């Protein structure tokens, strides 16, 4: 999907993992490097620091 969208379409990915932790998701360091390389080329990274709204709301529901 990322390869098909690369330089052709917009793609939004949200995660609470740092790039260094993505190897655990993809299980292969070469694949992970290729994915990150394509994602950050021509991109805008938005980093939000602070408490998770969804986590906070889930605690209120208990």
N, C-alpha and C. Protein backbone atom coordinates (compact mmCIF):
# COMPACT_ATOMS: atom_id res chain seq x y z
N UNK A 1 0.83 -1.19 0.00
CA UNK A 1 0.00 0.00 0.00
C UNK A 1 0.87 1.25 0.00
N UNK A 2 1.88 1.25 0.87
CA UNK A 2 2.76 2.42 0.95
C UNK A 2 3.51 2.61 -0.36
N UNK A 3 3.99 1.55 -0.94
CA UNK A 3 4.70 1.63 -2.20
C UNK A 3 3.80 2.15 -3.32
N UNK A 4 2.54 1.71 -3.35
CA UNK A 4 1.61 2.16 -4.39
C UNK A 4 1.27 3.65 -4.23
N UNK A 5 1.20 4.12 -3.01
CA UNK A 5 0.84 5.52 -2.75
C UNK A 5 2.04 6.46 -2.88
N UNK A 6 3.24 5.94 -2.78
CA UNK A 6 4.45 6.75 -2.75
C UNK A 6 4.52 7.69 -3.95
N UNK A 7 4.55 8.98 -3.69
CA UNK A 7 4.62 10.07 -4.66
C UNK A 7 3.40 10.14 -5.58
N UNK A 8 2.32 9.45 -5.26
CA UNK A 8 1.10 9.51 -6.07
C UNK A 8 -0.12 9.96 -5.29
N UNK A 9 -0.19 9.61 -4.03
CA UNK A 9 -1.36 9.89 -3.21
C UNK A 9 -0.93 10.32 -1.82
N UNK A 10 -1.85 10.93 -1.11
CA UNK A 10 -1.59 11.28 0.29
C UNK A 10 -1.87 10.08 1.17
N UNK A 11 -1.13 10.03 2.25
CA UNK A 11 -1.26 8.92 3.18
C UNK A 11 -1.10 9.46 4.58
N UNK A 12 -2.02 9.11 5.46
CA UNK A 12 -1.95 9.53 6.85
C UNK A 12 -1.78 8.29 7.72
N UNK A 13 -0.76 8.31 8.56
CA UNK A 13 -0.52 7.21 9.48
C UNK A 13 -0.40 7.78 10.87
N UNK A 14 -1.12 7.21 11.81
CA UNK A 14 -1.01 7.63 13.20
C UNK A 14 -0.46 6.46 14.01
N UNK A 15 0.42 6.77 14.92
CA UNK A 15 1.01 5.74 15.76
C UNK A 15 1.56 6.37 17.03
N UNK A 16 1.67 5.58 18.05
CA UNK A 16 2.34 6.05 19.26
C UNK A 16 3.72 5.41 19.39
N UNK A 17 4.17 4.72 18.33
CA UNK A 17 5.49 4.10 18.32
C UNK A 17 6.51 5.03 17.66
N UNK A 18 7.71 5.05 18.21
CA UNK A 18 8.81 5.76 17.58
C UNK A 18 9.31 4.90 16.42
N UNK A 19 9.96 5.54 15.44
CA UNK A 19 10.44 4.79 14.27
C UNK A 19 11.34 3.63 14.68
N UNK A 20 12.12 3.79 15.72
CA UNK A 20 13.01 2.73 16.18
C UNK A 20 12.28 1.48 16.65
N UNK A 21 11.00 1.61 16.96
CA UNK A 21 10.21 0.47 17.42
C UNK A 21 9.43 -0.21 16.31
N UNK A 22 9.51 0.30 15.09
CA UNK A 22 8.73 -0.25 13.98
C UNK A 22 9.23 -1.62 13.55
N UNK A 23 10.48 -1.97 13.87
CA UNK A 23 10.97 -3.32 13.53
C UNK A 23 10.11 -4.40 14.16
N UNK A 24 9.54 -4.12 15.31
CA UNK A 24 8.67 -5.10 15.98
C UNK A 24 7.38 -5.30 15.20
N UNK A 25 6.94 -4.29 14.48
CA UNK A 25 5.70 -4.37 13.70
C UNK A 25 5.93 -5.15 12.41
N UNK A 26 6.98 -4.77 11.67
CA UNK A 26 7.23 -5.37 10.36
C UNK A 26 8.10 -6.62 10.43
N UNK A 27 8.86 -6.77 11.51
CA UNK A 27 9.65 -7.98 11.70
C UNK A 27 10.88 -8.11 10.82
N UNK A 28 11.19 -7.10 10.04
CA UNK A 28 12.35 -7.16 9.14
C UNK A 28 12.95 -5.77 9.05
N UNK A 29 14.23 -5.64 9.36
CA UNK A 29 14.85 -4.31 9.42
C UNK A 29 14.95 -3.65 8.04
N UNK A 30 15.18 -4.42 6.99
CA UNK A 30 15.28 -3.84 5.64
C UNK A 30 13.92 -3.33 5.18
N UNK A 31 12.88 -4.11 5.40
CA UNK A 31 11.52 -3.67 5.05
C UNK A 31 11.14 -2.43 5.85
N UNK A 32 11.46 -2.43 7.13
CA UNK A 32 11.14 -1.29 7.99
C UNK A 32 11.84 -0.04 7.50
N UNK A 33 13.11 -0.14 7.15
CA UNK A 33 13.84 1.02 6.63
C UNK A 33 13.23 1.53 5.34
N UNK A 34 12.82 0.65 4.44
CA UNK A 34 12.20 1.06 3.18
C UNK A 34 10.88 1.77 3.42
N UNK A 35 10.08 1.25 4.33
CA UNK A 35 8.78 1.87 4.64
C UNK A 35 8.99 3.27 5.22
N UNK A 36 9.87 3.38 6.20
CA UNK A 36 10.11 4.68 6.84
C UNK A 36 10.69 5.66 5.83
N UNK A 37 11.60 5.20 4.99
CA UNK A 37 12.20 6.06 3.97
C UNK A 37 11.13 6.66 3.05
N UNK A 38 10.20 5.84 2.61
CA UNK A 38 9.14 6.33 1.73
C UNK A 38 8.16 7.23 2.46
N UNK A 39 7.91 6.93 3.72
CA UNK A 39 6.97 7.74 4.48
C UNK A 39 7.51 9.14 4.79
N UNK A 40 8.78 9.24 5.10
CA UNK A 40 9.29 10.55 5.52
C UNK A 40 9.79 11.41 4.35
N UNK A 41 9.95 10.82 3.16
CA UNK A 41 10.34 11.59 1.98
C UNK A 41 9.15 12.44 1.54
N UNK A 42 9.32 13.73 1.42
CA UNK A 42 8.25 14.68 1.05
C UNK A 42 7.12 14.69 2.09
N UNK A 43 7.44 14.52 3.35
CA UNK A 43 6.37 14.42 4.35
C UNK A 43 6.42 15.54 5.37
N UNK A 44 5.37 15.62 6.12
CA UNK A 44 5.27 16.51 7.27
C UNK A 44 5.01 15.62 8.48
N UNK A 45 5.92 15.65 9.43
CA UNK A 45 5.74 14.86 10.65
C UNK A 45 5.18 15.76 11.73
N UNK A 46 4.09 15.35 12.31
CA UNK A 46 3.48 16.07 13.42
C UNK A 46 3.65 15.22 14.67
N UNK A 47 4.31 15.77 15.66
CA UNK A 47 4.54 15.05 16.90
C UNK A 47 3.73 15.72 17.99
N UNK A 48 2.87 14.96 18.61
CA UNK A 48 2.05 15.46 19.71
C UNK A 48 2.56 14.84 21.00
N UNK A 49 2.94 15.66 21.91
CA UNK A 49 3.39 15.19 23.22
C UNK A 49 2.29 15.41 24.23
N UNK A 50 2.24 14.56 25.19
CA UNK A 50 1.24 14.71 26.23
C UNK A 50 0.43 13.45 26.42
N UNK A 51 -0.55 13.57 27.25
CA UNK A 51 -1.39 12.44 27.61
C UNK A 51 -2.32 12.06 26.47
N UNK A 52 -2.55 10.78 26.30
CA UNK A 52 -3.44 10.28 25.27
C UNK A 52 -4.89 10.57 25.65
N UNK A 53 -5.62 11.22 24.76
CA UNK A 53 -7.03 11.53 24.99
C UNK A 53 -7.85 10.25 25.09
N UNK A 54 -7.61 9.29 24.18
CA UNK A 54 -8.38 8.04 24.20
C UNK A 54 -8.13 7.25 25.47
N UNK A 55 -6.88 7.21 25.91
CA UNK A 55 -6.57 6.50 27.15
C UNK A 55 -7.24 7.17 28.34
N UNK A 56 -7.19 8.48 28.35
CA UNK A 56 -7.82 9.23 29.45
C UNK A 56 -9.32 8.98 29.47
N UNK A 57 -9.95 9.00 28.31
CA UNK A 57 -11.39 8.76 28.23
C UNK A 57 -11.74 7.32 28.64
N UNK A 58 -10.90 6.35 28.31
CA UNK A 58 -11.19 4.97 28.68
C UNK A 58 -11.13 4.79 30.19
N UNK A 59 -10.25 5.53 30.86
CA UNK A 59 -10.16 5.45 32.32
C UNK A 59 -11.40 6.06 32.97
N UNK A 60 -11.98 7.07 32.35
CA UNK A 60 -13.16 7.71 32.89
C UNK A 60 -14.39 6.80 32.79
N UNK A 61 -14.40 5.90 31.82
CA UNK A 61 -15.55 5.01 31.60
C UNK A 61 -15.60 3.85 32.58
N UNK A 62 -14.53 3.61 33.33
CA UNK A 62 -14.49 2.47 34.23
C UNK A 62 -15.19 2.74 35.52
